[in-house]
């Protein structure tokens, strides 16, 4: 959350690695999938929230690189 807030307010994501974001997002997506398969709402929610935050960072990073 702090990283997303910083990127959002400053509009700058130079200090964030896109490769790291993709690896983290992939891992979180796998955890969400595991939670669904196990029918464990805690795993699903915790990782889905984290995945949403990482998705926000990826979106900001893509916006910055396209401009």
PDB file of N, CA and C in Angstrom:
ATOM      1  N   UNK A   1       0.815  -1.197   0.000  1.00  0.00           N
ATOM      2  CA  UNK A   1       0.000   0.000   0.000  1.00  0.00           C
ATOM      3  C   UNK A   1       0.861   1.264   0.000  1.00  0.00           C
ATOM      4  N   UNK A   2       1.902   1.338   0.820  1.00  0.00           N
ATOM      5  CA  UNK A   2       2.722   2.563   0.808  1.00  0.00           C
ATOM      6  C   UNK A   2       3.382   2.815  -0.554  1.00  0.00           C
ATOM      7  N   UNK A   3       3.813   1.769  -1.208  1.00  0.00           N
ATOM      8  CA  UNK A   3       4.465   1.927  -2.517  1.00  0.00           C
ATOM      9  C   UNK A   3       3.465   2.443  -3.546  1.00  0.00           C
ATOM     10  N   UNK A   4       2.250   1.932  -3.523  1.00  0.00           N
ATOM     11  CA  UNK A   4       1.217   2.377  -4.452  1.00  0.00           C
ATOM     12  C   UNK A   4       0.861   3.831  -4.183  1.00  0.00           C
ATOM     13  N   UNK A   5       0.728   4.194  -2.916  1.00  0.00           N
ATOM     14  CA  UNK A   5       0.408   5.573  -2.541  1.00  0.00           C
ATOM     15  C   UNK A   5       1.513   6.521  -3.012  1.00  0.00           C
ATOM     16  N   UNK A   6       2.757   6.134  -2.807  1.00  0.00           N
ATOM     17  CA  UNK A   6       3.891   6.954  -3.222  1.00  0.00           C
ATOM     18  C   UNK A   6       3.901   7.133  -4.740  1.00  0.00           C
ATOM     19  N   UNK A   7       3.702   6.042  -5.465  1.00  0.00           N
ATOM     20  CA  UNK A   7       3.690   6.109  -6.922  1.00  0.00           C
ATOM     21  C   UNK A   7       2.519   6.942  -7.425  1.00  0.00           C
ATOM     22  N   UNK A   8       1.380   6.825  -6.780  1.00  0.00           N
ATOM     23  CA  UNK A   8       0.191   7.553  -7.201  1.00  0.00           C
ATOM     24  C   UNK A   8       0.357   9.052  -6.974  1.00  0.00           C
ATOM     25  N   UNK A   9       0.862   9.451  -5.785  1.00  0.00           N
ATOM     26  CA  UNK A   9       0.981  10.870  -5.477  1.00  0.00           C
ATOM     27  C   UNK A   9       2.108  11.538  -6.245  1.00  0.00           C
ATOM     28  N   UNK A  10       3.220  10.854  -6.418  1.00  0.00           N
ATOM     29  CA  UNK A  10       4.356  11.434  -7.140  1.00  0.00           C
ATOM     30  C   UNK A  10       4.257  11.241  -8.641  1.00  0.00           C
ATOM     31  N   UNK A  11       3.494  10.265  -9.066  1.00  0.00           N
ATOM     32  CA  UNK A  11       3.379   9.989 -10.491  1.00  0.00           C
ATOM     33  C   UNK A  11       4.668   9.454 -11.094  1.00  0.00           C
ATOM     34  N   UNK A  12       5.490   8.863 -10.242  1.00  0.00           N
ATOM     35  CA  UNK A  12       6.782   8.370 -10.703  1.00  0.00           C
ATOM     36  C   UNK A  12       6.999   6.944 -10.204  1.00  0.00           C
ATOM     37  N   UNK A  13       7.391   6.061 -11.132  1.00  0.00           N
ATOM     38  CA  UNK A  13       7.606   4.658 -10.778  1.00  0.00           C
ATOM     39  C   UNK A  13       8.972   4.162 -11.229  1.00  0.00           C
ATOM     40  N   UNK A  14       9.909   5.079 -11.394  1.00  0.00           N
ATOM     41  CA  UNK A  14      11.244   4.692 -11.872  1.00  0.00           C
ATOM     42  C   UNK A  14      11.950   3.720 -10.949  1.00  0.00           C
ATOM     43  N   UNK A  15      11.671   3.800  -9.658  1.00  0.00           N
ATOM     44  CA  UNK A  15      12.362   2.957  -8.688  1.00  0.00           C
ATOM     45  C   UNK A  15      11.740   1.572  -8.528  1.00  0.00           C
ATOM     46  N   UNK A  16      10.737   1.258  -9.352  1.00  0.00           N
ATOM     47  CA  UNK A  16      10.053  -0.032  -9.263  1.00  0.00           C
ATOM     48  C   UNK A  16      10.402  -0.865 -10.500  1.00  0.00           C
ATOM     49  N   UNK A  17      10.826  -2.092 -10.286  1.00  0.00           N
ATOM     50  CA  UNK A  17      11.177  -2.983 -11.388  1.00  0.00           C
ATOM     51  C   UNK A  17       9.927  -3.674 -11.943  1.00  0.00           C
ATOM     52  N   UNK A  18       9.723  -3.540 -13.239  1.00  0.00           N
ATOM     53  CA  UNK A  18       8.576  -4.183 -13.880  1.00  0.00           C
ATOM     54  C   UNK A  18       8.683  -5.705 -13.789  1.00  0.00           C
ATOM     55  N   UNK A  19       9.893  -6.236 -13.943  1.00  0.00           N
ATOM     56  CA  UNK A  19      10.070  -7.687 -13.829  1.00  0.00           C
ATOM     57  C   UNK A  19       9.679  -8.177 -12.446  1.00  0.00           C
ATOM     58  N   UNK A  20      10.054  -7.439 -11.414  1.00  0.00           N
ATOM     59  CA  UNK A  20       9.692  -7.828 -10.054  1.00  0.00           C
ATOM     60  C   UNK A  20       8.177  -7.791  -9.869  1.00  0.00           C
ATOM     61  N   UNK A  21       7.537  -6.787 -10.444  1.00  0.00           N
ATOM     62  CA  UNK A  21       6.077  -6.693 -10.333  1.00  0.00           C
ATOM     63  C   UNK A  21       5.387  -7.877 -11.008  1.00  0.00           C
ATOM     64  N   UNK A  22       5.882  -8.271 -12.189  1.00  0.00           N
ATOM     65  CA  UNK A  22       5.277  -9.405 -12.901  1.00  0.00           C
ATOM     66  C   UNK A  22       5.480 -10.718 -12.136  1.00  0.00           C
ATOM     67  N   UNK A  23       6.672 -10.900 -11.570  1.00  0.00           N
ATOM     68  CA  UNK A  23       6.940 -12.122 -10.804  1.00  0.00           C
ATOM     69  C   UNK A  23       6.044 -12.165  -9.563  1.00  0.00           C
ATOM     70  N   UNK A  24       5.948 -11.046  -8.865  1.00  0.00           N
ATOM     71  CA  UNK A  24       5.107 -10.990  -7.667  1.00  0.00           C
ATOM     72  C   UNK A  24       3.638 -11.208  -8.017  1.00  0.00           C
ATOM     73  N   UNK A  25       3.177 -10.567  -9.093  1.00  0.00           N
ATOM     74  CA  UNK A  25       1.778 -10.735  -9.509  1.00  0.00           C
ATOM     75  C   UNK A  25       1.487 -12.182  -9.906  1.00  0.00           C
ATOM     76  N   UNK A  26       2.434 -12.809 -10.573  1.00  0.00           N
ATOM     77  CA  UNK A  26       2.247 -14.221 -10.952  1.00  0.00           C
ATOM     78  C   UNK A  26       2.147 -15.110  -9.719  1.00  0.00           C
ATOM     79  N   UNK A  27       3.008 -14.878  -8.760  1.00  0.00           N
ATOM     80  CA  UNK A  27       2.966 -15.655  -7.522  1.00  0.00           C
ATOM     81  C   UNK A  27       1.661 -15.458  -6.772  1.00  0.00           C
ATOM     82  N   UNK A  28       1.198 -14.223  -6.709  1.00  0.00           N
ATOM     83  CA  UNK A  28      -0.070 -13.951  -6.022  1.00  0.00           C
ATOM     84  C   UNK A  28      -1.244 -14.590  -6.760  1.00  0.00           C
ATOM     85  N   UNK A  29      -1.207 -14.561  -8.085  1.00  0.00           N
ATOM     86  CA  UNK A  29      -2.280 -15.210  -8.858  1.00  0.00           C
ATOM     87  C   UNK A  29      -2.303 -16.713  -8.600  1.00  0.00           C
ATOM     88  N   UNK A  30      -1.118 -17.301  -8.482  1.00  0.00           N
ATOM     89  CA  UNK A  30      -1.065 -18.730  -8.166  1.00  0.00           C
ATOM     90  C   UNK A  30      -1.622 -19.013  -6.770  1.00  0.00           C
ATOM     91  N   UNK A  31      -1.337 -18.125  -5.811  1.00  0.00           N
ATOM     92  CA  UNK A  31      -1.880 -18.310  -4.461  1.00  0.00           C
ATOM     93  C   UNK A  31      -3.399 -18.178  -4.452  1.00  0.00           C
ATOM     94  N   UNK A  32      -3.922 -17.233  -5.237  1.00  0.00           N
ATOM     95  CA  UNK A  32      -5.388 -17.100  -5.339  1.00  0.00           C
ATOM     96  C   UNK A  32      -5.977 -18.375  -5.926  1.00  0.00           C
ATOM     97  N   UNK A  33      -5.345 -18.900  -6.963  1.00  0.00           N
ATOM     98  CA  UNK A  33      -5.800 -20.151  -7.567  1.00  0.00           C
ATOM     99  C   UNK A  33      -5.775 -21.288  -6.546  1.00  0.00           C
ATOM    100  N   UNK A  34      -4.700 -21.373  -5.788  1.00  0.00           N
ATOM    101  CA  UNK A  34      -4.597 -22.393  -4.741  1.00  0.00           C
ATOM    102  C   UNK A  34      -5.721 -22.225  -3.714  1.00  0.00           C
ATOM    103  N   UNK A  35      -5.978 -20.991  -3.324  1.00  0.00           N
ATOM    104  CA  UNK A  35      -7.062 -20.727  -2.364  1.00  0.00           C
ATOM    105  C   UNK A  35      -8.414 -21.157  -2.899  1.00  0.00           C
ATOM    106  N   UNK A  36      -8.640 -20.920  -4.182  1.00  0.00           N
ATOM    107  CA  UNK A  36      -9.904 -21.345  -4.805  1.00  0.00           C
ATOM    108  C   UNK A  36     -10.001 -22.862  -4.799  1.00  0.00           C
ATOM    109  N   UNK A  37      -8.911 -23.529  -5.169  1.00  0.00           N
ATOM    110  CA  UNK A  37      -8.921 -24.997  -5.198  1.00  0.00           C
ATOM    111  C   UNK A  37      -9.134 -25.586  -3.799  1.00  0.00           C
ATOM    112  N   UNK A  38      -8.576 -24.927  -2.790  1.00  0.00           N
ATOM    113  CA  UNK A  38      -8.725 -25.396  -1.410  1.00  0.00           C
ATOM    114  C   UNK A  38     -10.008 -24.881  -0.752  1.00  0.00           C
ATOM    115  N   UNK A  39     -10.694 -23.979  -1.441  1.00  0.00           N
ATOM    116  CA  UNK A  39     -11.912 -23.341  -0.914  1.00  0.00           C
ATOM    117  C   UNK A  39     -11.619 -22.647   0.415  1.00  0.00           C
ATOM    118  N   UNK A  40     -10.492 -21.944   0.446  1.00  0.00           N
ATOM    119  CA  UNK A  40     -10.060 -21.234   1.653  1.00  0.00           C
ATOM    120  C   UNK A  40     -10.187 -19.730   1.408  1.00  0.00           C
ATOM    121  N   UNK A  41     -11.229 -19.138   1.976  1.00  0.00           N
ATOM    122  CA  UNK A  41     -11.539 -17.735   1.731  1.00  0.00           C
ATOM    123  C   UNK A  41     -10.443 -16.796   2.241  1.00  0.00           C
ATOM    124  N   UNK A  42      -9.751 -17.172   3.309  1.00  0.00           N
ATOM    125  CA  UNK A  42      -8.692 -16.328   3.858  1.00  0.00           C
ATOM    126  C   UNK A  42      -7.533 -16.204   2.862  1.00  0.00           C
ATOM    127  N   UNK A  43      -7.118 -17.312   2.293  1.00  0.00           N
ATOM    128  CA  UNK A  43      -6.039 -17.289   1.296  1.00  0.00           C
ATOM    129  C   UNK A  43      -6.480 -16.493   0.075  1.00  0.00           C
ATOM    130  N   UNK A  44      -7.708 -16.701  -0.355  1.00  0.00           N
ATOM    131  CA  UNK A  44      -8.220 -16.001  -1.526  1.00  0.00           C
ATOM    132  C   UNK A  44      -8.236 -14.498  -1.291  1.00  0.00           C
ATOM    133  N   UNK A  45      -8.836 -14.069  -0.192  1.00  0.00           N
ATOM    134  CA  UNK A  45      -8.966 -12.636   0.073  1.00  0.00           C
ATOM    135  C   UNK A  45      -7.628 -11.948   0.276  1.00  0.00           C
ATOM    136  N   UNK A  46      -6.774 -12.536   1.085  1.00  0.00           N
ATOM    137  CA  UNK A  46      -5.480 -11.914   1.373  1.00  0.00           C
ATOM    138  C   UNK A  46      -4.666 -11.723   0.100  1.00  0.00           C
ATOM    139  N   UNK A  47      -4.630 -12.729  -0.731  1.00  0.00           N
ATOM    140  CA  UNK A  47      -3.823 -12.653  -1.942  1.00  0.00           C
ATOM    141  C   UNK A  47      -4.515 -11.856  -3.048  1.00  0.00           C
ATOM    142  N   UNK A  48      -5.828 -11.863  -3.083  1.00  0.00           N
ATOM    143  CA  UNK A  48      -6.550 -11.057  -4.074  1.00  0.00           C
ATOM    144  C   UNK A  48      -6.368  -9.569  -3.789  1.00  0.00           C
ATOM    145  N   UNK A  49      -6.366  -9.193  -2.523  1.00  0.00           N
ATOM    146  CA  UNK A  49      -6.127  -7.789  -2.168  1.00  0.00           C
ATOM    147  C   UNK A  49      -4.717  -7.383  -2.570  1.00  0.00           C
ATOM    148  N   UNK A  50      -3.752  -8.228  -2.265  1.00  0.00           N
ATOM    149  CA  UNK A  50      -2.366  -7.946  -2.652  1.00  0.00           C
ATOM    150  C   UNK A  50      -2.222  -7.876  -4.168  1.00  0.00           C
ATOM    151  N   UNK A  51      -2.900  -8.764  -4.866  1.00  0.00           N
ATOM    152  CA  UNK A  51      -2.854  -8.773  -6.323  1.00  0.00           C
ATOM    153  C   UNK A  51      -3.470  -7.490  -6.894  1.00  0.00           C
ATOM    154  N   UNK A  52      -4.528  -7.003  -6.287  1.00  0.00           N
ATOM    155  CA  UNK A  52      -5.144  -5.750  -6.734  1.00  0.00           C
ATOM    156  C   UNK A  52      -4.187  -4.575  -6.553  1.00  0.00           C
ATOM    157  N   UNK A  53      -3.477  -4.553  -5.428  1.00  0.00           N
ATOM    158  CA  UNK A  53      -2.512  -3.474  -5.187  1.00  0.00           C
ATOM    159  C   UNK A  53      -1.355  -3.541  -6.181  1.00  0.00           C
ATOM    160  N   UNK A  54      -0.855  -4.745  -6.433  1.00  0.00           N
ATOM    161  CA  UNK A  54       0.231  -4.910  -7.402  1.00  0.00           C
ATOM    162  C   UNK A  54      -0.257  -4.533  -8.799  1.00  0.00           C
ATOM    163  N   UNK A  55      -1.492  -4.864  -9.116  1.00  0.00           N
ATOM    164  CA  UNK A  55      -2.055  -4.503 -10.419  1.00  0.00           C
ATOM    165  C   UNK A  55      -2.088  -2.987 -10.580  1.00  0.00           C
ATOM    166  N   UNK A  56      -2.388  -2.286  -9.503  1.00  0.00           N
ATOM    167  CA  UNK A  56      -2.354  -0.824  -9.533  1.00  0.00           C
ATOM    168  C   UNK A  56      -0.963  -0.305  -9.841  1.00  0.00           C
ATOM    169  N   UNK A  57       0.043  -0.904  -9.245  1.00  0.00           N
ATOM    170  CA  UNK A  57       1.423  -0.501  -9.519  1.00  0.00           C
ATOM    171  C   UNK A  57       1.814  -0.798 -10.968  1.00  0.00           C
ATOM    172  N   UNK A  58       1.407  -1.957 -11.468  1.00  0.00           N
ATOM    173  CA  UNK A  58       1.702  -2.309 -12.862  1.00  0.00           C
ATOM    174  C   UNK A  58       1.033  -1.301 -13.795  1.00  0.00           C
ATOM    175  N   UNK A  59      -0.204  -0.953 -13.502  1.00  0.00           N
ATOM    176  CA  UNK A  59      -0.937   0.013 -14.316  1.00  0.00           C
ATOM    177  C   UNK A  59      -0.225   1.365 -14.335  1.00  0.00           C
ATOM    178  N   UNK A  60       0.181   1.845 -13.149  1.00  0.00           N
ATOM    179  CA  UNK A  60       0.917   3.113 -13.077  1.00  0.00           C
ATOM    180  C   UNK A  60       2.240   3.037 -13.825  1.00  0.00           C
ATOM    181  N   UNK A  61       2.928   1.919 -13.691  1.00  0.00           N
ATOM    182  CA  UNK A  61       4.204   1.737 -14.380  1.00  0.00           C
ATOM    183  C   UNK A  61       4.005   1.744 -15.895  1.00  0.00           C
ATOM    184  N   UNK A  62       2.973   1.074 -16.379  1.00  0.00           N
ATOM    185  CA  UNK A  62       2.696   1.053 -17.807  1.00  0.00           C
ATOM    186  C   UNK A  62       2.294   2.444 -18.315  1.00  0.00           C
ATOM    187  N   UNK A  63       1.551   3.187 -17.516  1.00  0.00           N
ATOM    188  CA  UNK A  63       1.179   4.556 -17.899  1.00  0.00           C
ATOM    189  C   UNK A  63       2.411   5.436 -18.015  1.00  0.00           C
ATOM    190  N   UNK A  64       3.341   5.276 -17.079  1.00  0.00           N
ATOM    191  CA  UNK A  64       4.542   6.106 -17.090  1.00  0.00           C
ATOM    192  C   UNK A  64       5.437   5.751 -18.275  1.00  0.00           C
ATOM    193  N   UNK A  65       5.563   4.462 -18.591  1.00  0.00           N
ATOM    194  CA  UNK A  65       6.445   4.074 -19.681  1.00  0.00           C
ATOM    195  C   UNK A  65       5.856   4.421 -21.054  1.00  0.00           C
ATOM    196  N   UNK A  66       4.529   4.514 -21.144  1.00  0.00           N
ATOM    197  CA  UNK A  66       3.918   4.834 -22.430  1.00  0.00           C
ATOM    198  C   UNK A  66       3.960   6.335 -22.724  1.00  0.00           C
ATOM    199  N   UNK A  67       4.162   7.166 -21.679  1.00  0.00           N
ATOM    200  CA  UNK A  67       4.210   8.606 -21.938  1.00  0.00           C
ATOM    201  C   UNK A  67       5.594   9.146 -22.093  1.00  0.00           C
TER     202      UNK A  67
END
